[in-house]
Amino acid sequence: MKSMTEQNRPLDVVILAAGQGTRMKSALPKVIHSVAGRPMVAWAVKAAQELGARNIVVVTGHGAEQVEAKVQQPGVAFARQEKQLGT
């Protein structure tokens, strides 16, 4: 079976990273907690890049500035969710 990129279909990726992570009992936004040496959200961005995503948009909210600073790189755009209402 061919992947979407092998079929020459454009791929756009939206990564939901606006949540507070209250169950984690941490002041840090949940998506910037480190897993295997890098922030969780960075793993999702890397996966999207490896799939050849045309556009990658990270939706930020809680701790938006911190999250955006950890993911700041060419080809990644941000959309701020001012009021978090859940997925």
PDB file of N, CA and C in Angstrom:
ATOM      1  N   MET A   1       0.837  -1.182   0.000  1.00  0.00           N
ATOM      2  CA  MET A   1       0.000   0.000   0.000  1.00  0.00           C
ATOM      3  C   MET A   1       0.883   1.247   0.000  1.00  0.00           C
ATOM      4  N   LYS A   2       0.578   2.193  -0.840  1.00  0.00           N
ATOM      5  CA  LYS A   2       1.361   3.413  -0.933  1.00  0.00           C
ATOM      6  C   LYS A   2       0.897   4.436   0.092  1.00  0.00           C
ATOM      7  N   SER A   3       1.885   5.185   0.631  1.00  0.00           N
ATOM      8  CA  SER A   3       1.534   6.260   1.556  1.00  0.00           C
ATOM      9  C   SER A   3       0.971   7.439   0.779  1.00  0.00           C
ATOM     10  N   MET A   4       0.395   8.404   1.512  1.00  0.00           N
ATOM     11  CA  MET A   4      -0.173   9.577   0.845  1.00  0.00           C
ATOM     12  C   MET A   4       0.864  10.331   0.035  1.00  0.00           C
ATOM     13  N   THR A   5       2.074  10.446   0.579  1.00  0.00           N
ATOM     14  CA  THR A   5       3.093  11.199  -0.147  1.00  0.00           C
ATOM     15  C   THR A   5       3.543  10.451  -1.391  1.00  0.00           C
ATOM     16  N   GLU A   6       3.510   9.128  -1.362  1.00  0.00           N
ATOM     17  CA  GLU A   6       3.868   8.350  -2.540  1.00  0.00           C
ATOM     18  C   GLU A   6       2.805   8.478  -3.620  1.00  0.00           C
ATOM     19  N   GLN A   7       1.586   8.797  -3.240  1.00  0.00           N
ATOM     20  CA  GLN A   7       0.502   8.968  -4.188  1.00  0.00           C
ATOM     21  C   GLN A   7       0.430  10.411  -4.688  1.00  0.00           C
ATOM     22  N   ASN A   8       1.389  11.226  -4.310  1.00  0.00           N
ATOM     23  CA  ASN A   8       1.457  12.630  -4.700  1.00  0.00           C
ATOM     24  C   ASN A   8       0.252  13.448  -4.250  1.00  0.00           C
ATOM     25  N   ARG A   9      -0.315  13.091  -3.124  1.00  0.00           N
ATOM     26  CA  ARG A   9      -1.380  13.891  -2.534  1.00  0.00           C
ATOM     27  C   ARG A   9      -0.752  14.825  -1.525  1.00  0.00           C
ATOM     28  N   PRO A  10      -1.146  16.095  -1.551  1.00  0.00           N
ATOM     29  CA  PRO A  10      -0.588  17.015  -0.559  1.00  0.00           C
ATOM     30  C   PRO A  10      -1.029  16.631   0.845  1.00  0.00           C
ATOM     31  N   LEU A  11      -0.122  16.786   1.783  1.00  0.00           N
ATOM     32  CA  LEU A  11      -0.401  16.460   3.176  1.00  0.00           C
ATOM     33  C   LEU A  11      -0.212  17.701   4.024  1.00  0.00           C
ATOM     34  N   ASP A  12      -1.242  18.082   4.751  1.00  0.00           N
ATOM     35  CA  ASP A  12      -1.174  19.172   5.717  1.00  0.00           C
ATOM     36  C   ASP A  12      -1.424  18.562   7.087  1.00  0.00           C
ATOM     37  N   VAL A  13      -0.695  19.039   8.103  1.00  0.00           N
ATOM     38  CA  VAL A  13      -0.799  18.465   9.443  1.00  0.00           C
ATOM     39  C   VAL A  13      -1.119  19.563  10.453  1.00  0.00           C
ATOM     40  N   VAL A  14      -2.099  19.278  11.307  1.00  0.00           N
ATOM     41  CA  VAL A  14      -2.438  20.163  12.421  1.00  0.00           C
ATOM     42  C   VAL A  14      -2.146  19.385  13.700  1.00  0.00           C
ATOM     43  N   ILE A  15      -1.304  19.959  14.547  1.00  0.00           N
ATOM     44  CA  ILE A  15      -0.921  19.337  15.806  1.00  0.00           C
ATOM     45  C   ILE A  15      -1.580  20.114  16.938  1.00  0.00           C
ATOM     46  N   LEU A  16      -2.425  19.425  17.694  1.00  0.00           N
ATOM     47  CA  LEU A  16      -3.131  20.075  18.807  1.00  0.00           C
ATOM     48  C   LEU A  16      -2.232  20.090  20.036  1.00  0.00           C
ATOM     49  N   ALA A  17      -1.787  21.285  20.420  1.00  0.00           N
ATOM     50  CA  ALA A  17      -0.846  21.423  21.537  1.00  0.00           C
ATOM     51  C   ALA A  17      -1.249  22.560  22.467  1.00  0.00           C
ATOM     52  N   ALA A  18      -2.549  22.756  22.652  1.00  0.00           N
ATOM     53  CA  ALA A  18      -3.033  23.893  23.439  1.00  0.00           C
ATOM     54  C   ALA A  18      -3.389  23.534  24.872  1.00  0.00           C
ATOM     55  N   GLY A  19      -3.433  22.255  25.185  1.00  0.00           N
ATOM     56  CA  GLY A  19      -3.927  21.828  26.498  1.00  0.00           C
ATOM     57  C   GLY A  19      -3.018  22.170  27.652  1.00  0.00           C
ATOM     58  N   GLN A  20      -3.615  22.230  28.804  1.00  0.00           N
ATOM     59  CA  GLN A  20      -2.896  22.584  30.023  1.00  0.00           C
ATOM     60  C   GLN A  20      -2.188  21.387  30.641  1.00  0.00           C
ATOM     61  N   GLY A  21      -2.776  20.226  30.562  1.00  0.00           N
ATOM     62  CA  GLY A  21      -2.159  19.041  31.154  1.00  0.00           C
ATOM     63  C   GLY A  21      -2.305  18.995  32.656  1.00  0.00           C
ATOM     64  N   THR A  22      -3.471  19.313  33.163  1.00  0.00           N
ATOM     65  CA  THR A  22      -3.677  19.374  34.611  1.00  0.00           C
ATOM     66  C   THR A  22      -3.405  18.048  35.306  1.00  0.00           C
ATOM     67  N   ARG A  23      -3.661  16.942  34.637  1.00  0.00           N
ATOM     68  CA  ARG A  23      -3.420  15.635  35.267  1.00  0.00           C
ATOM     69  C   ARG A  23      -1.928  15.346  35.434  1.00  0.00           C
ATOM     70  N   MET A  24      -1.074  16.119  34.769  1.00  0.00           N
ATOM     71  CA  MET A  24       0.370  15.906  34.894  1.00  0.00           C
ATOM     72  C   MET A  24       0.934  16.575  36.144  1.00  0.00           C
ATOM     73  N   LYS A  25       0.129  17.397  36.803  1.00  0.00           N
ATOM     74  CA  LYS A  25       0.553  18.073  38.038  1.00  0.00           C
ATOM     75  C   LYS A  25       1.860  18.844  37.851  1.00  0.00           C
ATOM     76  N   SER A  26       1.913  19.653  36.799  1.00  0.00           N
ATOM     77  CA  SER A  26       3.117  20.412  36.469  1.00  0.00           C
ATOM     78  C   SER A  26       2.730  21.791  35.969  1.00  0.00           C
ATOM     79  N   ALA A  27       3.571  22.763  36.222  1.00  0.00           N
ATOM     80  CA  ALA A  27       3.342  24.113  35.710  1.00  0.00           C
ATOM     81  C   ALA A  27       3.682  24.210  34.224  1.00  0.00           C
ATOM     82  N   LEU A  28       4.475  23.269  33.727  1.00  0.00           N
ATOM     83  CA  LEU A  28       4.841  23.270  32.301  1.00  0.00           C
ATOM     84  C   LEU A  28       3.667  22.828  31.441  1.00  0.00           C
ATOM     85  N   PRO A  29       3.500  23.435  30.263  1.00  0.00           N
ATOM     86  CA  PRO A  29       2.502  22.893  29.337  1.00  0.00           C
ATOM     87  C   PRO A  29       2.871  21.446  29.015  1.00  0.00           C
ATOM     88  N   LYS A  30       1.880  20.577  28.951  1.00  0.00           N
ATOM     89  CA  LYS A  30       2.157  19.141  28.814  1.00  0.00           C
ATOM     90  C   LYS A  30       2.987  18.800  27.595  1.00  0.00           C
ATOM     91  N   VAL A  31       2.810  19.512  26.495  1.00  0.00           N
ATOM     92  CA  VAL A  31       3.505  19.139  25.252  1.00  0.00           C
ATOM     93  C   VAL A  31       4.987  19.480  25.238  1.00  0.00           C
ATOM     94  N   ILE A  32       5.461  20.231  26.242  1.00  0.00           N
ATOM     95  CA  ILE A  32       6.906  20.502  26.265  1.00  0.00           C
ATOM     96  C   ILE A  32       7.635  19.679  27.323  1.00  0.00           C
ATOM     97  N   HIS A  33       6.926  18.743  27.943  1.00  0.00           N
ATOM     98  CA  HIS A  33       7.619  17.785  28.802  1.00  0.00           C
ATOM     99  C   HIS A  33       8.516  16.939  27.914  1.00  0.00           C
ATOM    100  N   SER A  34       9.675  16.621  28.426  1.00  0.00           N
ATOM    101  CA  SER A  34      10.664  15.894  27.634  1.00  0.00           C
ATOM    102  C   SER A  34      10.387  14.395  27.610  1.00  0.00           C
ATOM    103  N   VAL A  35      10.493  13.829  26.416  1.00  0.00           N
ATOM    104  CA  VAL A  35      10.405  12.388  26.203  1.00  0.00           C
ATOM    105  C   VAL A  35      11.596  12.004  25.338  1.00  0.00           C
ATOM    106  N   ALA A  36      12.446  11.146  25.872  1.00  0.00           N
ATOM    107  CA  ALA A  36      13.641  10.701  25.139  1.00  0.00           C
ATOM    108  C   ALA A  36      14.468  11.890  24.647  1.00  0.00           C
ATOM    109  N   GLY A  37      14.586  12.915  25.503  1.00  0.00           N
ATOM    110  CA  GLY A  37      15.483  14.023  25.209  1.00  0.00           C
ATOM    111  C   GLY A  37      14.929  15.170  24.395  1.00  0.00           C
ATOM    112  N   ARG A  38      13.660  15.126  24.035  1.00  0.00           N
ATOM    113  CA  ARG A  38      13.080  16.262  23.308  1.00  0.00           C
ATOM    114  C   ARG A  38      11.632  16.451  23.726  1.00  0.00           C
ATOM    115  N   PRO A  39      11.108  17.674  23.574  1.00  0.00           N
ATOM    116  CA  PRO A  39       9.717  17.927  23.960  1.00  0.00           C
ATOM    117  C   PRO A  39       8.753  17.039  23.170  1.00  0.00           C
ATOM    118  N   MET A  40       7.687  16.598  23.825  1.00  0.00           N
ATOM    119  CA  MET A  40       6.700  15.732  23.155  1.00  0.00           C
ATOM    120  C   MET A  40       6.232  16.313  21.829  1.00  0.00           C
ATOM    121  N   VAL A  41       5.947  17.595  21.804  1.00  0.00           N
ATOM    122  CA  VAL A  41       5.442  18.213  20.581  1.00  0.00           C
ATOM    123  C   VAL A  41       6.473  18.145  19.447  1.00  0.00           C
ATOM    124  N   ALA A  42       7.748  18.166  19.781  1.00  0.00           N
ATOM    125  CA  ALA A  42       8.789  18.084  18.753  1.00  0.00           C
ATOM    126  C   ALA A  42       8.753  16.742  18.032  1.00  0.00           C
ATOM    127  N   TRP A  43       8.364  15.679  18.731  1.00  0.00           N
ATOM    128  CA  TRP A  43       8.242  14.362  18.091  1.00  0.00           C
ATOM    129  C   TRP A  43       7.144  14.383  17.033  1.00  0.00           C
ATOM    130  N   ALA A  44       6.033  15.035  17.337  1.00  0.00           N
ATOM    131  CA  ALA A  44       4.936  15.122  16.377  1.00  0.00           C
ATOM    132  C   ALA A  44       5.337  15.950  15.160  1.00  0.00           C
ATOM    133  N   VAL A  45       6.040  17.051  15.396  1.00  0.00           N
ATOM    134  CA  VAL A  45       6.512  17.890  14.291  1.00  0.00           C
ATOM    135  C   VAL A  45       7.484  17.103  13.414  1.00  0.00           C
ATOM    136  N   LYS A  46       8.402  16.384  14.038  1.00  0.00           N
ATOM    137  CA  LYS A  46       9.379  15.587  13.282  1.00  0.00           C
ATOM    138  C   LYS A  46       8.681  14.531  12.431  1.00  0.00           C
ATOM    139  N   ALA A  47       7.680  13.873  12.981  1.00  0.00           N
ATOM    140  CA  ALA A  47       6.930  12.862  12.232  1.00  0.00           C
ATOM    141  C   ALA A  47       6.239  13.480  11.015  1.00  0.00           C
ATOM    142  N   ALA A  48       5.646  14.658  11.214  1.00  0.00           N
ATOM    143  CA  ALA A  48       4.982  15.351  10.108  1.00  0.00           C
ATOM    144  C   ALA A  48       5.987  15.720   9.016  1.00  0.00           C
ATOM    145  N   GLN A  49       7.160  16.186   9.421  1.00  0.00           N
ATOM    146  CA  GLN A  49       8.202  16.534   8.453  1.00  0.00           C
ATOM    147  C   GLN A  49       8.659  15.306   7.683  1.00  0.00           C
ATOM    148  N   GLU A  50       8.836  14.192   8.382  1.00  0.00           N
ATOM    149  CA  GLU A  50       9.286  12.964   7.731  1.00  0.00           C
ATOM    150  C   GLU A  50       8.253  12.419   6.749  1.00  0.00           C
ATOM    151  N   LEU A  51       6.982  12.731   6.987  1.00  0.00           N
ATOM    152  CA  LEU A  51       5.931  12.326   6.060  1.00  0.00           C
ATOM    153  C   LEU A  51       5.836  13.251   4.849  1.00  0.00           C
ATOM    154  N   GLY A  52       6.621  14.323   4.874  1.00  0.00           N
ATOM    155  CA  GLY A  52       6.621  15.263   3.758  1.00  0.00           C
ATOM    156  C   GLY A  52       5.471  16.240   3.792  1.00  0.00           C
ATOM    157  N   ALA A  53       5.017  16.600   4.985  1.00  0.00           N
ATOM    158  CA  ALA A  53       3.893  17.529   5.120  1.00  0.00           C
ATOM    159  C   ALA A  53       4.195  18.844   4.425  1.00  0.00           C
ATOM    160  N   ARG A  54       3.231  19.315   3.686  1.00  0.00           N
ATOM    161  CA  ARG A  54       3.341  20.585   2.974  1.00  0.00           C
ATOM    162  C   ARG A  54       3.233  21.738   3.962  1.00  0.00           C
ATOM    163  N   ASN A  55       2.275  21.649   4.879  1.00  0.00           N
ATOM    164  CA  ASN A  55       2.057  22.656   5.912  1.00  0.00           C
ATOM    165  C   ASN A  55       1.935  21.962   7.259  1.00  0.00           C
ATOM    166  N   ILE A  56       2.596  22.525   8.266  1.00  0.00           N
ATOM    167  CA  ILE A  56       2.485  22.020   9.625  1.00  0.00           C
ATOM    168  C   ILE A  56       2.042  23.190  10.489  1.00  0.00           C
ATOM    169  N   VAL A  57       0.901  23.030  11.140  1.00  0.00           N
ATOM    170  CA  VAL A  57       0.370  24.068  12.025  1.00  0.00           C
ATOM    171  C   VAL A  57       0.242  23.478  13.421  1.00  0.00           C
ATOM    172  N   VAL A  58       0.853  24.140  14.389  1.00  0.00           N
ATOM    173  CA  VAL A  58       0.759  23.725  15.784  1.00  0.00           C
ATOM    174  C   VAL A  58      -0.210  24.676  16.473  1.00  0.00           C
ATOM    175  N   VAL A  59      -1.294  24.119  17.002  1.00  0.00           N
ATOM    176  CA  VAL A  59      -2.286  24.917  17.731  1.00  0.00           C
ATOM    177  C   VAL A  59      -1.799  25.044  19.171  1.00  0.00           C
ATOM    178  N   THR A  60      -1.578  26.283  19.611  1.00  0.00           N
ATOM    179  CA  THR A  60      -1.091  26.526  20.960  1.00  0.00           C
ATOM    180  C   THR A  60      -2.144  27.270  21.771  1.00  0.00           C
ATOM    181  N   GLY A  61      -2.006  27.178  23.068  1.00  0.00           N
ATOM    182  CA  GLY A  61      -2.945  27.866  23.971  1.00  0.00           C
ATOM    183  C   GLY A  61      -2.266  28.101  25.288  1.00  0.00           C
ATOM    184  N   HIS A  62      -2.429  27.148  26.219  1.00  0.00           N
ATOM    185  CA  HIS A  62      -1.785  27.257  27.532  1.00  0.00           C
ATOM    186  C   HIS A  62      -0.264  27.279  27.354  1.00  0.00           C
ATOM    187  N   GLY A  63       0.382  28.322  27.859  1.00  0.00           N
ATOM    188  CA  GLY A  63       1.835  28.434  27.734  1.00  0.00           C
ATOM    189  C   GLY A  63       2.297  28.566  26.304  1.00  0.00           C
ATOM    190  N   ALA A  64       1.502  29.238  25.486  1.00  0.00           N
ATOM    191  CA  ALA A  64       1.781  29.341  24.053  1.00  0.00           C
ATOM    192  C   ALA A  64       3.206  29.807  23.748  1.00  0.00           C
ATOM    193  N   GLU A  65       3.674  30.807  24.468  1.00  0.00           N
ATOM    194  CA  GLU A  65       5.019  31.332  24.194  1.00  0.00           C
ATOM    195  C   GLU A  65       6.086  30.261  24.425  1.00  0.00           C
ATOM    196  N   GLN A  66       5.936  29.492  25.501  1.00  0.00           N
ATOM    197  CA  GLN A  66       6.905  28.433  25.808  1.00  0.00           C
ATOM    198  C   GLN A  66       6.865  27.340  24.739  1.00  0.00           C
ATOM    199  N   VAL A  67       5.679  26.940  24.350  1.00  0.00           N
ATOM    200  CA  VAL A  67       5.526  25.882  23.345  1.00  0.00           C
ATOM    201  C   VAL A  67       6.114  26.346  22.018  1.00  0.00           C
ATOM    202  N   GLU A  68       5.764  27.537  21.595  1.00  0.00           N
ATOM    203  CA  GLU A  68       6.252  28.058  20.314  1.00  0.00           C
ATOM    204  C   GLU A  68       7.771  28.190  20.304  1.00  0.00           C
ATOM    205  N   ALA A  69       8.359  28.567  21.432  1.00  0.00           N
ATOM    206  CA  ALA A  69       9.826  28.684  21.514  1.00  0.00           C
ATOM    207  C   ALA A  69      10.496  27.324  21.342  1.00  0.00           C
ATOM    208  N   LYS A  70       9.874  26.264  21.837  1.00  0.00           N
ATOM    209  CA  LYS A  70      10.455  24.918  21.736  1.00  0.00           C
ATOM    210  C   LYS A  70      10.344  24.340  20.331  1.00  0.00           C
ATOM    211  N   VAL A  71       9.389  24.836  19.537  1.00  0.00           N
ATOM    212  CA  VAL A  71       9.113  24.252  18.226  1.00  0.00           C
ATOM    213  C   VAL A  71       9.530  25.181  17.086  1.00  0.00           C
ATOM    214  N   GLN A  72       9.990  26.354  17.393  1.00  0.00           N
ATOM    215  CA  GLN A  72      10.317  27.361  16.386  1.00  0.00           C
ATOM    216  C   GLN A  72      11.306  26.816  15.350  1.00  0.00           C
ATOM    217  N   GLN A  73      10.825  26.620  14.135  1.00  0.00           N
ATOM    218  CA  GLN A  73      11.683  26.183  13.045  1.00  0.00           C
ATOM    219  C   GLN A  73      10.995  26.458  11.715  1.00  0.00           C
ATOM    220  N   PRO A  74      11.767  26.519  10.641  1.00  0.00           N
ATOM    221  CA  PRO A  74      11.176  26.807   9.330  1.00  0.00           C
ATOM    222  C   PRO A  74      10.109  25.769   8.960  1.00  0.00           C
ATOM    223  N   GLY A  75       9.038  26.246   8.358  1.00  0.00           N
ATOM    224  CA  GLY A  75       7.989  25.352   7.902  1.00  0.00           C
ATOM    225  C   GLY A  75       6.932  25.019   8.933  1.00  0.00           C
ATOM    226  N   VAL A  76       7.057  25.572  10.133  1.00  0.00           N
ATOM    227  CA  VAL A  76       6.069  25.317  11.184  1.00  0.00           C
ATOM    228  C   VAL A  76       5.375  26.643  11.510  1.00  0.00           C
ATOM    229  N   ALA A  77       4.041  26.642  11.390  1.00  0.00           N
ATOM    230  CA  ALA A  77       3.243  27.826  11.707  1.00  0.00           C
ATOM    231  C   ALA A  77       2.464  27.548  12.993  1.00  0.00           C
ATOM    232  N   PHE A  78       1.977  28.619  13.614  1.00  0.00           N
ATOM    233  CA  PHE A  78       1.241  28.486  14.862  1.00  0.00           C
ATOM    234  C   PHE A  78      -0.121  29.146  14.746  1.00  0.00           C
ATOM    235  N   ALA A  79      -1.086  28.549  15.423  1.00  0.00           N
ATOM    236  CA  ALA A  79      -2.421  29.135  15.547  1.00  0.00           C
ATOM    237  C   ALA A  79      -2.724  29.175  17.034  1.00  0.00           C
ATOM    238  N   ARG A  80      -3.011  30.362  17.546  1.00  0.00           N
ATOM    239  CA  ARG A  80      -3.277  30.511  18.976  1.00  0.00           C
ATOM    240  C   ARG A  80      -4.744  30.284  19.266  1.00  0.00           C
ATOM    241  N   GLN A  81      -5.011  29.431  20.206  1.00  0.00           N
ATOM    242  CA  GLN A  81      -6.363  29.197  20.695  1.00  0.00           C
ATOM    243  C   GLN A  81      -6.469  29.940  22.024  1.00  0.00           C
ATOM    244  N   GLU A  82      -7.055  31.123  21.976  1.00  0.00           N
ATOM    245  CA  GLU A  82      -7.106  31.982  23.155  1.00  0.00           C
ATOM    246  C   GLU A  82      -7.924  31.356  24.291  1.00  0.00           C
ATOM    247  N   LYS A  83      -9.022  30.723  23.961  1.00  0.00           N
ATOM    248  CA  LYS A  83      -9.873  30.097  24.969  1.00  0.00           C
ATOM    249  C   LYS A  83      -9.889  28.590  24.695  1.00  0.00           C
ATOM    250  N   GLN A  84      -9.352  27.806  25.615  1.00  0.00           N
ATOM    251  CA  GLN A  84      -9.313  26.359  25.421  1.00  0.00           C
ATOM    252  C   GLN A  84     -10.653  25.754  25.829  1.00  0.00           C
ATOM    253  N   LEU A  85     -11.278  25.078  24.875  1.00  0.00           N
ATOM    254  CA  LEU A  85     -12.570  24.454  25.128  1.00  0.00           C
ATOM    255  C   LEU A  85     -12.486  22.932  25.029  1.00  0.00           C
ATOM    256  N   GLY A  86     -11.301  22.406  24.868  1.00  0.00           N
ATOM    257  CA  GLY A  86     -11.131  20.966  24.713  1.00  0.00           C
ATOM    258  C   GLY A  86     -11.152  20.580  23.248  1.00  0.00           C
ATOM    259  N   THR A  87     -10.702  19.373  22.975  1.00  0.00           N
ATOM    260  CA  THR A  87     -10.644  18.900  21.595  1.00  0.00           C
ATOM    261  C   THR A  87     -12.039  18.726  21.045  1.00  0.00           C
TER     262      THR A  87
END
